[in-house]
Amino acid sequence: MKAMRIWFVSSLGLALSMIFDWNYGFLAVLIPAFVLNLEKGFGLPFIVMLVFSIIFGSAEATIILELFQTHPLLLTGAVGIFMLIKCIAMMHQITYLFGFMGIFIGSMVFNYASYDYFDITDFNINMWIIALISVFNYLLAHWLFPNPKSAEPAPEEDPFAAKTEAEKIAQVAMGWIVAMSLFFVFQTMELIDSLAVLVSVVIMLSPLSLQGGIGVGKVRVIGTALGCIMGLVLHVILGKWINNPLLFWLGFTILMGVISLLFNKGMIPSAIGFSATSAFSVPLTTAFIPGQQDATFSILYRFSSIFVGVVVLVMVMTVAHQSINKFIIAPKQKRAARKLGDKTPA
């Protein structure tokens, strides 16, 4: 039923974004799909935490901008503290979603607020409305496609419980370095129409480690390729009828059903499916509007830019990984070895 729920909320999210003309309609597809992909069973507290994280994170980032935007050094320091707190929150299962969504939303606010075409008030209002409607879509999906009564999710274990203090510090440092690198890049370069790249790169932060980041990067490229192929297929099949909103939505719904099949195949196929959903929905809900723009170039541009962004991020994570091992992990291991040697009887 997981695949059916994700297929349903994705189609419903696109329909609502087209009806109400949301500027960030792709979030109406991605937010409920993100929750349904991560959950092990019906978890209303999970999506409530998601909504709270989105509203609080966007409000927090907006306040920081309003206070320090005219003072670049103070803004950099405030953003650094903001990102550090969110990375630390990601190290605990109960606050993981709060930390990750804070980085996700905060990165979009901080990195685009410096551009003249970005309206932060419009972004926040759209974000909050979409987040609240996502709760309704989530509940409706569970009501229409409930889990079998015999299916009881296994209790989850905290993946960070067995980590040593040095490993936790290293992973927080990794996430912070990457998040701040994104901030500096977007502050110094005019990256027009790069929202898909930012979303893709920030999603790679979720493992907070080199190996996890590389794994997510591979999945992201594969899923992006699938999503872009689906977008091109939709464009080719509909042809001149792509400008018909009803046919456009029906075509998206049918192809989204194909992508949704991956969500029942296991962890890696599910990750590929979510990446494909992102790559499929973002170009068709931002750059392309039926009757106004051609989606072909948009889809090809996003695939190439996401691929380059993933490769560059993996390179940055590799350098950060080597530096963290040299200056954080290795010294702590040496000190621990010396303490152990001092305690060993002669």
Protein backbone atom coordinates (compact mmCIF):
# COMPACT_ATOMS: atom_id res chain seq x y z
CA MET A 1 0.00 0.00 0.00
CA LYS A 2 2.99 2.31 0.40
CA ALA A 3 3.36 2.69 -3.37
CA MET A 4 -0.36 3.44 -3.75
CA ARG A 5 -0.23 6.13 -1.07
CA ILE A 6 2.79 7.85 -2.63
CA TRP A 7 1.21 7.66 -6.09
CA PHE A 8 -2.01 9.17 -4.71
CA VAL A 9 -0.42 12.08 -2.80
CA SER A 10 1.87 12.92 -5.73
CA SER A 11 -1.03 13.13 -8.18
CA LEU A 12 -3.20 15.03 -5.71
CA GLY A 13 -0.34 17.40 -4.89
CA LEU A 14 0.18 18.25 -8.55
CA ALA A 15 -3.56 18.79 -9.06
CA LEU A 16 -3.75 21.19 -6.11
CA SER A 17 -0.64 23.08 -7.23
CA MET A 18 -2.18 23.54 -10.70
CA ILE A 19 -5.58 24.60 -9.34
CA PHE A 20 -4.20 27.14 -6.85
CA ASP A 21 -1.19 28.15 -8.97
CA TRP A 22 1.38 27.67 -6.19
CA ASN A 23 4.82 29.04 -7.04
CA TYR A 24 6.51 26.14 -5.28
CA GLY A 25 4.05 23.42 -6.23
CA PHE A 26 6.72 20.73 -6.32
CA LEU A 27 6.71 20.81 -2.51
CA ALA A 28 3.07 19.65 -2.54
CA VAL A 29 4.36 16.52 -4.27
CA LEU A 30 7.62 16.03 -2.39
CA ILE A 31 6.64 16.74 1.24
CA PRO A 32 3.97 14.01 1.64
CA ALA A 33 5.99 11.63 -0.57
CA PHE A 34 9.03 12.22 1.66
CA VAL A 35 7.06 11.38 4.80
CA LEU A 36 5.37 8.31 3.31
CA ASN A 37 8.72 7.01 2.05
CA LEU A 38 10.39 7.29 5.48
CA GLU A 39 7.59 6.08 7.74
CA LYS A 40 7.37 2.48 8.93
CA GLY A 41 3.63 2.69 9.57
CA PHE A 42 0.93 5.26 10.26
CA GLY A 43 2.72 8.04 12.09
CA LEU A 44 0.72 11.21 12.61
CA PRO A 45 3.30 12.58 15.10
CA PHE A 46 5.91 12.20 12.37
CA ILE A 47 4.15 14.46 9.89
CA VAL A 48 3.16 16.89 12.66
CA MET A 49 6.87 17.18 13.50
CA LEU A 50 7.54 17.71 9.80
CA VAL A 51 5.05 20.59 9.60
CA PHE A 52 6.42 22.14 12.78
CA SER A 53 9.98 21.82 11.46
CA ILE A 54 9.03 23.52 8.17
CA ILE A 55 7.18 26.41 9.81
CA PHE A 56 9.73 26.92 12.58
CA GLY A 57 12.73 26.55 10.25
CA SER A 58 11.43 29.03 7.68
CA ALA A 59 10.43 31.54 10.38
CA GLU A 60 13.80 31.19 12.09
CA ALA A 61 15.71 31.67 8.82
CA THR A 62 13.57 34.68 7.89
CA ILE A 63 14.21 36.37 11.24
CA ILE A 64 17.96 35.83 10.85
CA LEU A 65 17.83 37.41 7.40
CA GLU A 66 15.78 40.39 8.55
CA LEU A 67 18.24 41.08 11.37
CA PHE A 68 21.56 40.52 9.64
CA GLN A 69 21.12 40.70 5.85
CA THR A 70 22.75 44.13 5.67
CA HIS A 71 25.74 42.88 7.71
CA PRO A 72 27.42 40.04 5.75
CA LEU A 73 29.82 39.00 8.53
CA LEU A 74 27.09 38.84 11.16
CA LEU A 75 24.82 36.99 8.72
CA THR A 76 27.54 34.43 8.03
CA GLY A 77 28.05 33.88 11.76
CA ALA A 78 24.31 33.54 12.41
CA VAL A 79 23.87 31.11 9.51
CA GLY A 80 26.85 29.11 10.77
CA ILE A 81 25.26 28.77 14.23
CA PHE A 82 21.89 27.91 12.66
CA MET A 83 23.41 25.14 10.52
CA LEU A 84 25.49 23.80 13.41
CA ILE A 85 22.44 23.46 15.66
CA LYS A 86 20.53 21.65 12.91
CA CYS A 87 23.44 19.27 12.23
CA ILE A 88 23.64 18.42 15.94
CA ALA A 89 19.88 17.80 15.97
CA MET A 90 20.31 15.31 13.12
CA MET A 91 22.51 13.16 15.36
CA HIS A 92 19.51 12.04 17.44
CA GLN A 93 16.58 10.04 16.11
CA ILE A 94 13.92 12.05 17.91
CA THR A 95 15.18 15.38 16.51
CA TYR A 96 16.55 14.12 13.18
CA LEU A 97 13.62 15.41 11.12
CA PHE A 98 13.75 18.79 12.86
CA GLY A 99 17.44 19.13 12.00
CA PHE A 100 17.21 17.91 8.42
CA MET A 101 14.17 20.00 7.48
CA GLY A 102 15.80 23.00 9.14
CA ILE A 103 18.83 22.64 6.87
CA PHE A 104 16.61 21.93 3.84
CA ILE A 105 14.31 24.94 4.32
CA GLY A 106 17.02 27.19 5.72
CA SER A 107 19.26 26.54 2.73
CA MET A 108 16.53 27.59 0.31
CA VAL A 109 15.78 30.75 2.31
CA PHE A 110 19.40 31.80 2.90
CA ASN A 111 20.65 30.90 -0.56
CA TYR A 112 17.87 32.56 -2.56
CA ALA A 113 17.01 35.57 -0.41
CA SER A 114 19.94 37.51 -1.88
CA TYR A 115 18.43 37.28 -5.40
CA ASP A 116 16.08 40.06 -6.52
CA TYR A 117 13.54 37.66 -8.03
CA PHE A 118 13.07 35.74 -4.75
CA ASP A 119 10.11 36.87 -2.63
CA ILE A 120 10.70 35.46 0.84
CA THR A 121 7.17 36.33 2.03
CA ASP A 122 5.61 34.51 -0.91
CA PHE A 123 7.94 31.57 -0.30
CA ASN A 124 7.03 31.29 3.39
CA ILE A 125 3.28 31.59 2.79
CA ASN A 126 3.39 28.97 0.04
CA MET A 127 5.54 26.73 2.21
CA TRP A 128 3.25 26.90 5.22
CA ILE A 129 0.07 26.36 3.20
CA ILE A 130 1.58 23.40 1.37
CA ALA A 131 2.85 21.91 4.64
CA LEU A 132 -0.59 22.10 6.25
CA ILE A 133 -2.35 20.69 3.19
CA SER A 134 0.23 17.89 3.11
CA VAL A 135 -1.13 16.72 6.47
CA PHE A 136 -4.60 16.39 4.93
CA ASN A 137 -3.18 14.58 1.89
CA TYR A 138 -1.23 12.25 4.17
CA LEU A 139 -4.29 11.37 6.26
CA LEU A 140 -6.45 10.91 3.16
CA ALA A 141 -3.87 8.58 1.62
CA HIS A 142 -3.79 6.43 4.76
CA TRP A 143 -7.59 6.36 4.89
CA LEU A 144 -7.92 5.28 1.26
CA PHE A 145 -4.98 2.85 1.31
CA PRO A 146 -4.57 1.54 4.88
CA ASN A 147 -1.95 -0.97 5.93
CA PRO A 148 -3.10 -4.56 6.51
CA LYS A 149 -4.11 -5.03 10.14
CA SER A 150 -1.56 -7.82 10.58
CA ALA A 151 1.31 -5.61 9.46
CA GLU A 152 3.02 -4.21 12.55
CA PRO A 153 6.14 -2.11 12.04
CA ALA A 154 9.25 -3.27 13.83
CA PRO A 155 10.55 -0.96 16.55
CA GLU A 156 13.13 1.45 15.22
CA GLU A 157 16.61 1.72 16.68
CA ASP A 158 18.58 4.93 16.88
CA PRO A 159 21.24 4.56 14.14
CA PHE A 160 23.52 6.96 16.01
CA ALA A 161 23.32 5.18 19.38
CA ALA A 162 26.45 3.10 18.74
CA LYS A 163 28.51 6.02 17.41
CA THR A 164 31.51 7.16 19.41
CA GLU A 165 31.88 10.78 20.46
CA ALA A 166 34.60 11.35 17.85
CA GLU A 167 32.42 9.87 15.08
CA LYS A 168 29.48 12.08 16.07
CA ILE A 169 31.69 15.19 16.07
CA ALA A 170 33.10 14.20 12.69
CA GLN A 171 29.66 13.72 11.15
CA VAL A 172 28.38 17.03 12.53
CA ALA A 173 31.48 18.72 11.12
CA MET A 174 30.87 17.06 7.74
CA GLY A 175 27.29 18.30 7.53
CA TRP A 176 28.23 21.79 8.69
CA ILE A 177 31.08 22.15 6.19
CA VAL A 178 28.87 21.10 3.28
CA ALA A 179 25.94 23.31 4.36
CA MET A 180 28.19 26.35 4.76
CA SER A 181 29.93 25.63 1.45
CA LEU A 182 26.52 25.79 -0.24
CA PHE A 183 25.82 29.08 1.52
CA PHE A 184 29.07 30.65 0.30
CA VAL A 185 28.57 29.38 -3.26
CA PHE A 186 25.06 30.81 -3.53
CA GLN A 187 26.11 34.11 -1.94
CA THR A 188 28.96 34.65 -4.39
CA MET A 189 27.50 33.24 -7.63
CA GLU A 190 24.34 34.01 -9.60
CA LEU A 191 22.90 30.51 -9.89
CA ILE A 192 19.67 31.26 -11.71
CA ASP A 193 17.13 28.42 -11.96
CA SER A 194 19.20 26.14 -9.75
CA LEU A 195 16.53 25.12 -7.24
CA ALA A 196 16.61 21.49 -8.42
CA VAL A 197 20.38 21.36 -7.83
CA LEU A 198 20.02 22.80 -4.34
CA VAL A 199 17.29 20.29 -3.42
CA SER A 200 19.38 17.40 -4.75
CA VAL A 201 22.54 18.46 -2.93
CA VAL A 202 20.83 19.13 0.41
CA ILE A 203 19.16 15.70 0.31
CA MET A 204 22.65 14.18 0.11
CA LEU A 205 23.39 15.64 3.56
CA SER A 206 21.04 13.18 5.24
CA PRO A 207 23.69 10.49 5.95
CA LEU A 208 26.19 13.10 7.27
CA SER A 209 29.10 10.88 6.23
CA LEU A 210 31.32 10.33 3.20
CA GLN A 211 30.23 6.78 2.37
CA GLY A 212 26.58 7.59 2.97
CA GLY A 213 26.86 10.74 0.88
CA ILE A 214 28.46 8.88 -2.02
CA GLY A 215 25.75 6.22 -1.82
CA VAL A 216 23.01 8.85 -1.83
CA GLY A 217 24.77 10.58 -4.71
CA LYS A 218 24.71 7.43 -6.84
CA VAL A 219 21.05 6.86 -6.03
CA ARG A 220 20.31 10.50 -6.76
CA VAL A 221 21.89 10.34 -10.23
CA ILE A 222 20.08 7.09 -11.11
CA GLY A 223 16.75 8.40 -9.82
CA THR A 224 17.24 11.73 -11.54
CA ALA A 225 17.90 9.98 -14.84
CA LEU A 226 14.70 7.97 -14.44
CA GLY A 227 12.66 11.04 -13.51
CA CYS A 228 14.02 13.06 -16.43
CA ILE A 229 13.31 10.20 -18.83
CA MET A 230 9.73 10.09 -17.55
CA GLY A 231 9.42 13.84 -18.06
CA LEU A 232 10.67 13.58 -21.64
CA VAL A 233 8.33 10.64 -22.29
CA LEU A 234 5.41 12.73 -21.05
CA HIS A 235 6.47 15.60 -23.27
CA VAL A 236 6.92 13.40 -26.37
CA ILE A 237 3.69 11.40 -25.94
CA LEU A 238 1.45 14.41 -25.38
CA GLY A 239 3.17 16.57 -27.99
CA LYS A 240 1.04 19.61 -28.76
CA TRP A 241 -1.54 18.42 -26.19
CA ILE A 242 0.99 19.02 -23.40
CA ASN A 243 -0.67 22.45 -23.06
CA ASN A 244 -3.94 20.84 -21.99
CA PRO A 245 -3.92 20.89 -18.15
CA LEU A 246 -6.16 17.83 -17.81
CA LEU A 247 -4.11 15.69 -20.21
CA PHE A 248 -0.92 16.98 -18.60
CA TRP A 249 -2.14 15.90 -15.15
CA LEU A 250 -3.37 12.51 -16.41
CA GLY A 251 -0.03 11.87 -18.10
CA PHE A 252 1.84 12.80 -14.92
CA THR A 253 -0.43 10.54 -12.87
CA ILE A 254 0.11 7.53 -15.15
CA LEU A 255 3.90 7.89 -15.26
CA MET A 256 4.03 8.60 -11.53
CA GLY A 257 2.30 5.27 -11.04
CA VAL A 258 5.23 3.59 -12.81
CA ILE A 259 7.74 5.35 -10.55
CA SER A 260 5.70 4.49 -7.45
CA LEU A 261 6.21 0.77 -8.08
CA LEU A 262 9.79 1.22 -6.86
CA PHE A 263 8.63 2.11 -3.36
CA ASN A 264 7.61 -1.50 -2.67
CA LYS A 265 10.94 -3.01 -3.76
CA GLY A 266 13.16 -2.24 -0.77
CA MET A 267 15.31 0.54 0.66
CA ILE A 268 17.53 1.32 -2.36
CA PRO A 269 14.72 1.15 -4.96
CA SER A 270 12.62 3.38 -2.67
CA ALA A 271 15.44 5.92 -2.55
CA ILE A 272 15.71 5.79 -6.34
CA GLY A 273 11.94 6.22 -6.54
CA PHE A 274 11.98 9.33 -4.36
CA SER A 275 14.84 10.81 -6.40
CA ALA A 276 12.89 10.08 -9.58
CA THR A 277 9.79 11.70 -8.08
CA SER A 278 11.80 14.81 -7.31
CA ALA A 279 13.39 15.01 -10.77
CA PHE A 280 10.04 14.31 -12.43
CA SER A 281 8.00 16.82 -10.45
CA VAL A 282 10.35 19.80 -10.00
CA PRO A 283 10.81 20.68 -13.71
CA LEU A 284 7.12 20.14 -14.43
CA THR A 285 5.95 22.36 -11.56
CA THR A 286 8.49 25.20 -11.72
CA ALA A 287 9.94 25.92 -15.17
CA PHE A 288 7.12 24.33 -17.16
CA ILE A 289 3.55 25.58 -17.09
CA PRO A 290 1.06 24.21 -19.64
CA GLY A 291 0.65 26.75 -22.41
CA GLN A 292 3.63 28.89 -21.43
CA GLN A 293 7.01 27.14 -21.62
CA ASP A 294 8.79 24.17 -23.22
CA ALA A 295 9.86 21.56 -20.67
CA THR A 296 12.40 19.71 -22.84
CA PHE A 297 15.33 22.05 -22.22
CA SER A 298 14.35 22.41 -18.56
CA ILE A 299 14.50 18.65 -17.96
CA LEU A 300 17.82 18.21 -19.78
CA TYR A 301 19.29 21.20 -17.97
CA ARG A 302 18.27 19.88 -14.58
CA PHE A 303 19.68 16.42 -15.19
CA SER A 304 23.07 17.79 -16.25
CA SER A 305 23.18 20.36 -13.44
CA ILE A 306 22.17 17.82 -10.79
CA PHE A 307 24.82 15.39 -12.04
CA VAL A 308 27.52 18.09 -11.87
CA GLY A 309 26.29 19.20 -8.45
CA VAL A 310 26.41 15.66 -7.06
CA VAL A 311 29.94 15.06 -8.40
CA VAL A 312 31.22 18.36 -7.00
CA LEU A 313 29.60 17.69 -3.62
CA VAL A 314 31.18 14.23 -3.40
CA MET A 315 34.57 15.86 -4.07
CA VAL A 316 33.95 18.42 -1.32
CA MET A 317 32.87 15.67 1.08
CA THR A 318 36.00 13.67 0.25
CA VAL A 319 38.27 16.62 1.10
CA ALA A 320 36.25 17.33 4.26
CA HIS A 321 36.41 13.66 5.23
CA GLN A 322 40.21 13.60 4.93
CA SER A 323 40.56 16.82 6.92
CA ILE A 324 38.19 15.65 9.65
CA ASN A 325 40.04 12.35 10.00
CA LYS A 326 43.37 14.17 10.23
CA PHE A 327 42.39 16.91 12.67
CA ILE A 328 39.55 15.33 14.70
CA ILE A 329 39.47 11.52 14.56
CA ALA A 330 43.21 10.80 14.56
CA PRO A 331 44.10 13.08 17.55
CA LYS A 332 41.24 11.65 19.63
CA GLN A 333 42.30 8.09 18.81
CA LYS A 334 45.89 8.89 19.81
CA ARG A 335 44.77 10.41 23.12
CA ALA A 336 42.54 7.41 23.80
CA ALA A 337 45.43 5.05 23.03
CA ARG A 338 47.76 6.95 25.39
CA LYS A 339 45.19 6.84 28.19
CA LEU A 340 44.74 3.12 27.67
CA GLY A 341 48.52 2.64 27.74
CA ASP A 342 48.83 4.60 30.97
CA LYS A 343 46.19 2.40 32.63
CA THR A 344 47.82 -0.85 31.52
CA PRO A 345 49.92 -2.31 34.39
CA ALA A 346 53.63 -2.76 33.66
